[in-house]
Amino acid sequence: MLRAVDPRTGEEVWRHENRAPLWGGVMTTAGNLVFTGTPEGFLKAFDATTGEELWRFNTGSGVVATPITWEMDGEQYVSVVSGWGGAVPLWGGEVAEVIKDFNQGGMLWTFKLPQEYAGQ
């Protein structure tokens, strides 16, 4: 699961649960967004305050990398690599059963943030 915790109190503010373990890295932006990926291949954006899922995109393969953000010509972008690689079929147990049919992939995806979410 993905959890937001108030650093002042240590209390959980919100959580997002996922069927398969969330191994993707997490990135936040100054525009109040939280990005993470899922083993099922989704890159997701959440409202950092409420935890509401605002957007998702299926990359076609598991997202285990950490999203990054960057700026060019006054526009903010988010990029992430998707792809499990070749070891997943060798795993055993419950997780292997859940993800055994996922595409192994290997792509770099880049998205331009709408101005209302750009943290400039």
N, C-alpha and C. Protein backbone atom coordinates (compact mmCIF):
# COMPACT_ATOMS: atom_id res chain seq x y z
N MET A 1 0.83 -1.18 0.00
CA MET A 1 0.00 0.00 0.00
C MET A 1 0.87 1.25 0.00
N LEU A 2 0.29 2.33 -0.43
CA LEU A 2 0.93 3.64 -0.39
C LEU A 2 0.27 4.41 0.75
N ARG A 3 1.08 4.94 1.67
CA ARG A 3 0.55 5.66 2.83
C ARG A 3 1.16 7.05 2.92
N ALA A 4 0.33 8.01 3.31
CA ALA A 4 0.81 9.35 3.63
C ALA A 4 0.76 9.49 5.15
N VAL A 5 1.86 9.96 5.72
CA VAL A 5 1.97 10.10 7.16
C VAL A 5 2.31 11.54 7.49
N ASP A 6 1.63 12.10 8.47
CA ASP A 6 1.93 13.46 8.94
C ASP A 6 3.24 13.39 9.72
N PRO A 7 4.31 14.06 9.26
CA PRO A 7 5.60 13.94 9.94
C PRO A 7 5.62 14.56 11.33
N ARG A 8 4.68 15.46 11.61
CA ARG A 8 4.63 16.09 12.94
C ARG A 8 4.05 15.16 13.99
N THR A 9 3.07 14.34 13.58
CA THR A 9 2.37 13.50 14.55
C THR A 9 2.64 12.01 14.38
N GLY A 10 3.12 11.62 13.20
CA GLY A 10 3.31 10.20 12.93
C GLY A 10 2.01 9.49 12.58
N GLU A 11 0.92 10.24 12.50
CA GLU A 11 -0.38 9.66 12.18
C GLU A 11 -0.56 9.48 10.68
N GLU A 12 -1.20 8.38 10.30
CA GLU A 12 -1.53 8.14 8.90
C GLU A 12 -2.62 9.13 8.48
N VAL A 13 -2.40 9.78 7.33
CA VAL A 13 -3.36 10.76 6.81
C VAL A 13 -4.28 10.10 5.79
N TRP A 14 -3.70 9.28 4.91
CA TRP A 14 -4.48 8.52 3.92
C TRP A 14 -3.67 7.33 3.46
N ARG A 15 -4.38 6.40 2.80
CA ARG A 15 -3.71 5.22 2.25
C ARG A 15 -4.40 4.82 0.96
N HIS A 16 -3.60 4.19 0.10
CA HIS A 16 -4.11 3.61 -1.14
C HIS A 16 -3.61 2.17 -1.18
N GLU A 17 -4.55 1.23 -1.19
CA GLU A 17 -4.19 -0.19 -1.21
C GLU A 17 -4.20 -0.70 -2.64
N ASN A 18 -3.35 -1.69 -2.89
CA ASN A 18 -3.21 -2.26 -4.22
C ASN A 18 -3.18 -3.78 -4.11
N ARG A 19 -3.72 -4.46 -5.13
CA ARG A 19 -3.80 -5.92 -5.12
C ARG A 19 -2.43 -6.58 -5.02
N ALA A 20 -1.48 -6.11 -5.80
CA ALA A 20 -0.12 -6.63 -5.77
C ALA A 20 0.76 -5.65 -4.99
N PRO A 21 1.90 -6.10 -4.46
CA PRO A 21 2.76 -5.21 -3.69
C PRO A 21 3.22 -4.01 -4.52
N LEU A 22 3.22 -2.84 -3.90
CA LEU A 22 3.69 -1.62 -4.57
C LEU A 22 5.19 -1.51 -4.37
N TRP A 23 5.94 -1.83 -5.43
CA TRP A 23 7.40 -1.76 -5.36
C TRP A 23 7.94 -0.54 -6.06
N GLY A 24 7.09 0.19 -6.76
CA GLY A 24 7.54 1.39 -7.46
C GLY A 24 7.92 2.46 -6.46
N GLY A 25 8.88 3.29 -6.86
CA GLY A 25 9.24 4.41 -6.02
C GLY A 25 8.12 5.44 -5.97
N VAL A 26 8.27 6.41 -5.09
CA VAL A 26 7.27 7.45 -4.90
C VAL A 26 7.94 8.80 -5.07
N MET A 27 7.24 9.71 -5.74
CA MET A 27 7.74 11.07 -5.93
C MET A 27 6.61 12.06 -5.67
N THR A 28 6.92 13.15 -5.00
CA THR A 28 5.94 14.22 -4.81
C THR A 28 6.41 15.45 -5.57
N THR A 29 5.45 16.30 -5.91
CA THR A 29 5.76 17.54 -6.63
C THR A 29 5.31 18.74 -5.81
N ALA A 30 5.85 19.90 -6.13
CA ALA A 30 5.43 21.14 -5.48
C ALA A 30 3.98 21.48 -5.82
N GLY A 31 3.44 20.88 -6.87
CA GLY A 31 2.05 21.09 -7.26
C GLY A 31 1.08 20.19 -6.52
N ASN A 32 1.52 19.57 -5.40
CA ASN A 32 0.67 18.77 -4.52
C ASN A 32 0.26 17.43 -5.12
N LEU A 33 1.13 16.83 -5.91
CA LEU A 33 0.86 15.51 -6.49
C LEU A 33 1.82 14.48 -5.92
N VAL A 34 1.35 13.25 -5.81
CA VAL A 34 2.17 12.10 -5.44
C VAL A 34 2.07 11.11 -6.60
N PHE A 35 3.21 10.69 -7.12
CA PHE A 35 3.25 9.72 -8.21
C PHE A 35 3.86 8.42 -7.71
N THR A 36 3.29 7.31 -8.15
CA THR A 36 3.86 5.99 -7.92
C THR A 36 3.38 5.06 -9.02
N GLY A 37 4.06 3.94 -9.16
CA GLY A 37 3.68 2.94 -10.15
C GLY A 37 3.23 1.66 -9.49
N THR A 38 2.54 0.82 -10.27
CA THR A 38 2.06 -0.46 -9.75
C THR A 38 2.63 -1.62 -10.56
N PRO A 39 2.66 -2.82 -9.97
CA PRO A 39 3.12 -3.99 -10.70
C PRO A 39 2.25 -4.30 -11.92
N GLU A 40 0.98 -3.87 -11.88
CA GLU A 40 0.08 -4.09 -13.00
C GLU A 40 0.37 -3.17 -14.18
N GLY A 41 1.24 -2.19 -13.98
CA GLY A 41 1.66 -1.33 -15.08
C GLY A 41 1.12 0.08 -15.06
N PHE A 42 0.41 0.46 -14.02
CA PHE A 42 -0.14 1.81 -13.97
C PHE A 42 0.84 2.79 -13.32
N LEU A 43 0.98 3.95 -13.94
CA LEU A 43 1.56 5.11 -13.28
C LEU A 43 0.37 5.90 -12.77
N LYS A 44 0.37 6.23 -11.48
CA LYS A 44 -0.77 6.90 -10.86
C LYS A 44 -0.34 8.21 -10.22
N ALA A 45 -1.27 9.18 -10.24
CA ALA A 45 -1.07 10.46 -9.56
C ALA A 45 -2.18 10.62 -8.53
N PHE A 46 -1.78 11.02 -7.33
CA PHE A 46 -2.70 11.23 -6.23
C PHE A 46 -2.60 12.67 -5.73
N ASP A 47 -3.70 13.17 -5.19
CA ASP A 47 -3.67 14.44 -4.47
C ASP A 47 -2.90 14.19 -3.18
N ALA A 48 -1.84 14.96 -2.94
CA ALA A 48 -0.98 14.73 -1.78
C ALA A 48 -1.70 14.98 -0.46
N THR A 49 -2.71 15.83 -0.46
CA THR A 49 -3.42 16.16 0.77
C THR A 49 -4.50 15.13 1.10
N THR A 50 -5.28 14.73 0.10
CA THR A 50 -6.44 13.89 0.35
C THR A 50 -6.23 12.42 0.01
N GLY A 51 -5.26 12.12 -0.85
CA GLY A 51 -5.04 10.75 -1.31
C GLY A 51 -5.95 10.35 -2.45
N GLU A 52 -6.76 11.27 -2.94
CA GLU A 52 -7.64 10.95 -4.07
C GLU A 52 -6.80 10.63 -5.31
N GLU A 53 -7.13 9.52 -5.96
CA GLU A 53 -6.45 9.18 -7.20
C GLU A 53 -6.98 10.11 -8.29
N LEU A 54 -6.09 10.90 -8.88
CA LEU A 54 -6.48 11.91 -9.87
C LEU A 54 -6.29 11.44 -11.30
N TRP A 55 -5.35 10.49 -11.49
CA TRP A 55 -4.99 10.11 -12.86
C TRP A 55 -4.28 8.77 -12.81
N ARG A 56 -4.43 8.00 -13.89
CA ARG A 56 -3.68 6.76 -14.06
C ARG A 56 -3.45 6.52 -15.54
N PHE A 57 -2.33 5.87 -15.82
CA PHE A 57 -1.99 5.51 -17.20
C PHE A 57 -1.37 4.13 -17.18
N ASN A 58 -1.86 3.24 -18.05
CA ASN A 58 -1.30 1.89 -18.11
C ASN A 58 -0.11 1.89 -19.08
N THR A 59 1.06 1.65 -18.53
CA THR A 59 2.30 1.67 -19.31
C THR A 59 2.55 0.37 -20.05
N GLY A 60 1.78 -0.67 -19.75
CA GLY A 60 1.94 -1.94 -20.44
C GLY A 60 2.84 -2.93 -19.73
N SER A 61 3.53 -2.49 -18.67
CA SER A 61 4.37 -3.39 -17.89
C SER A 61 4.53 -2.81 -16.50
N GLY A 62 4.98 -3.62 -15.57
CA GLY A 62 5.11 -3.19 -14.19
C GLY A 62 6.00 -1.96 -14.03
N VAL A 63 5.59 -1.07 -13.13
CA VAL A 63 6.39 0.11 -12.82
C VAL A 63 7.05 -0.13 -11.47
N VAL A 64 8.34 -0.41 -11.51
CA VAL A 64 9.11 -0.61 -10.28
C VAL A 64 10.14 0.51 -10.09
N ALA A 65 10.27 1.36 -11.06
CA ALA A 65 11.20 2.49 -10.99
C ALA A 65 10.56 3.65 -10.23
N THR A 66 11.39 4.59 -9.85
CA THR A 66 10.91 5.82 -9.22
C THR A 66 10.65 6.86 -10.30
N PRO A 67 9.45 7.47 -10.31
CA PRO A 67 9.21 8.56 -11.26
C PRO A 67 10.14 9.73 -10.96
N ILE A 68 10.44 10.51 -11.99
CA ILE A 68 11.22 11.74 -11.82
C ILE A 68 10.44 12.89 -12.44
N THR A 69 10.76 14.09 -12.01
CA THR A 69 10.16 15.27 -12.61
C THR A 69 11.27 16.20 -13.08
N TRP A 70 10.97 16.93 -14.14
CA TRP A 70 11.95 17.84 -14.72
C TRP A 70 11.21 18.95 -15.45
N GLU A 71 11.94 20.00 -15.75
CA GLU A 71 11.35 21.18 -16.38
C GLU A 71 12.13 21.53 -17.64
N MET A 72 11.39 21.95 -18.67
CA MET A 72 12.01 22.42 -19.89
C MET A 72 11.12 23.50 -20.50
N ASP A 73 11.70 24.63 -20.83
CA ASP A 73 10.97 25.73 -21.45
C ASP A 73 9.72 26.12 -20.67
N GLY A 74 9.82 26.12 -19.33
CA GLY A 74 8.71 26.55 -18.49
C GLY A 74 7.61 25.52 -18.30
N GLU A 75 7.79 24.31 -18.81
CA GLU A 75 6.81 23.24 -18.65
C GLU A 75 7.39 22.15 -17.75
N GLN A 76 6.54 21.57 -16.89
CA GLN A 76 6.99 20.50 -15.99
C GLN A 76 6.56 19.16 -16.56
N TYR A 77 7.47 18.18 -16.48
CA TYR A 77 7.24 16.84 -17.00
C TYR A 77 7.49 15.80 -15.91
N VAL A 78 6.87 14.64 -16.08
CA VAL A 78 7.12 13.48 -15.23
C VAL A 78 7.52 12.34 -16.15
N SER A 79 8.59 11.64 -15.81
CA SER A 79 9.04 10.48 -16.58
C SER A 79 9.19 9.28 -15.65
N VAL A 80 8.96 8.09 -16.22
CA VAL A 80 9.15 6.85 -15.47
C VAL A 80 9.47 5.73 -16.45
N VAL A 81 10.30 4.81 -15.99
CA VAL A 81 10.61 3.61 -16.76
C VAL A 81 9.64 2.51 -16.31
N SER A 82 9.08 1.78 -17.28
CA SER A 82 8.25 0.63 -16.93
C SER A 82 8.88 -0.62 -17.52
N GLY A 83 8.80 -1.71 -16.78
CA GLY A 83 9.35 -2.97 -17.25
C GLY A 83 9.87 -3.80 -16.08
N TRP A 84 9.45 -5.04 -16.05
CA TRP A 84 9.86 -5.95 -14.99
C TRP A 84 11.24 -6.53 -15.22
N GLY A 85 11.62 -6.73 -16.45
CA GLY A 85 12.84 -7.47 -16.71
C GLY A 85 12.54 -8.96 -16.78
N GLY A 86 13.54 -9.79 -16.89
CA GLY A 86 13.32 -11.20 -17.16
C GLY A 86 13.23 -12.12 -15.97
N ALA A 87 13.45 -11.65 -14.74
CA ALA A 87 13.51 -12.55 -13.59
C ALA A 87 12.15 -12.93 -13.02
N VAL A 88 11.11 -12.17 -13.30
CA VAL A 88 9.81 -12.40 -12.66
C VAL A 88 9.31 -13.83 -12.82
N PRO A 89 9.38 -14.46 -13.99
CA PRO A 89 8.88 -15.83 -14.11
C PRO A 89 9.62 -16.84 -13.23
N LEU A 90 10.79 -16.50 -12.75
CA LEU A 90 11.57 -17.41 -11.91
C LEU A 90 11.13 -17.37 -10.46
N TRP A 91 10.36 -16.35 -10.07
CA TRP A 91 9.93 -16.22 -8.69
C TRP A 91 8.91 -17.29 -8.36
N GLY A 92 8.75 -17.54 -7.10
CA GLY A 92 7.70 -18.45 -6.65
C GLY A 92 6.76 -17.74 -5.70
N GLY A 93 5.76 -18.46 -5.24
CA GLY A 93 4.86 -17.93 -4.24
C GLY A 93 3.72 -17.10 -4.79
N GLU A 94 3.02 -16.47 -3.86
CA GLU A 94 1.80 -15.72 -4.17
C GLU A 94 2.04 -14.55 -5.12
N VAL A 95 3.10 -13.79 -4.91
CA VAL A 95 3.37 -12.63 -5.77
C VAL A 95 3.62 -13.09 -7.20
N ALA A 96 4.38 -14.15 -7.37
CA ALA A 96 4.66 -14.67 -8.72
C ALA A 96 3.38 -15.07 -9.41
N GLU A 97 2.45 -15.65 -8.67
CA GLU A 97 1.18 -16.08 -9.26
C GLU A 97 0.37 -14.87 -9.73
N VAL A 98 0.41 -13.77 -9.00
CA VAL A 98 -0.34 -12.56 -9.35
C VAL A 98 0.25 -11.90 -10.59
N ILE A 99 1.57 -11.89 -10.72
CA ILE A 99 2.20 -11.11 -11.80
C ILE A 99 2.78 -11.95 -12.94
N LYS A 100 2.58 -13.25 -12.91
CA LYS A 100 3.22 -14.12 -13.91
C LYS A 100 2.83 -13.82 -15.35
N ASP A 101 1.65 -13.26 -15.57
CA ASP A 101 1.20 -13.00 -16.93
C ASP A 101 1.41 -11.55 -17.37
N PHE A 102 2.04 -10.74 -16.53
CA PHE A 102 2.28 -9.35 -16.90
C PHE A 102 3.36 -9.27 -17.98
N ASN A 103 3.25 -8.31 -18.85
CA ASN A 103 4.25 -8.04 -19.88
C ASN A 103 5.55 -7.63 -19.21
N GLN A 104 6.66 -8.18 -19.65
CA GLN A 104 7.97 -7.85 -19.07
C GLN A 104 8.44 -6.45 -19.44
N GLY A 105 8.01 -5.93 -20.58
CA GLY A 105 8.17 -4.53 -20.96
C GLY A 105 9.59 -4.01 -21.05
N GLY A 106 9.68 -2.69 -20.99
CA GLY A 106 10.93 -1.96 -21.08
C GLY A 106 10.74 -0.69 -21.88
N MET A 107 10.08 0.32 -21.26
CA MET A 107 9.78 1.58 -21.95
C MET A 107 10.04 2.76 -21.01
N LEU A 108 10.34 3.90 -21.62
CA LEU A 108 10.42 5.15 -20.89
C LEU A 108 9.21 5.99 -21.30
N TRP A 109 8.42 6.42 -20.32
CA TRP A 109 7.22 7.22 -20.57
C TRP A 109 7.43 8.62 -20.00
N THR A 110 6.98 9.64 -20.73
CA THR A 110 7.08 11.02 -20.28
C THR A 110 5.74 11.71 -20.49
N PHE A 111 5.32 12.48 -19.47
CA PHE A 111 4.04 13.17 -19.49
C PHE A 111 4.24 14.63 -19.07
N LYS A 112 3.55 15.55 -19.74
CA LYS A 112 3.60 16.96 -19.37
C LYS A 112 2.49 17.22 -18.37
N LEU A 113 2.84 17.88 -17.27
CA LEU A 113 1.84 18.20 -16.26
C LEU A 113 1.00 19.40 -16.70
N PRO A 114 -0.30 19.36 -16.42
CA PRO A 114 -1.14 20.55 -16.67
C PRO A 114 -0.64 21.71 -15.80
N GLN A 115 -0.81 22.91 -16.25
CA GLN A 115 -0.31 24.10 -15.53
C GLN A 115 -0.83 24.16 -14.09
N GLU A 116 -2.08 23.72 -13.84
CA GLU A 116 -2.62 23.82 -12.48
C GLU A 116 -1.89 22.92 -11.48
N TYR A 117 -1.11 21.95 -11.97
CA TYR A 117 -0.35 21.07 -11.10
C TYR A 117 1.15 21.33 -11.16
N ALA A 118 1.58 22.22 -12.03
CA ALA A 118 3.00 22.54 -12.11
C ALA A 118 3.37 23.36 -10.88
N GLY A 119 4.45 23.00 -10.24
CA GLY A 119 4.83 23.63 -8.98
C GLY A 119 5.79 24.79 -9.14
N GLN A 120 5.54 25.65 -10.11
CA GLN A 120 6.49 26.76 -10.35
C GLN A 120 6.00 28.03 -9.71
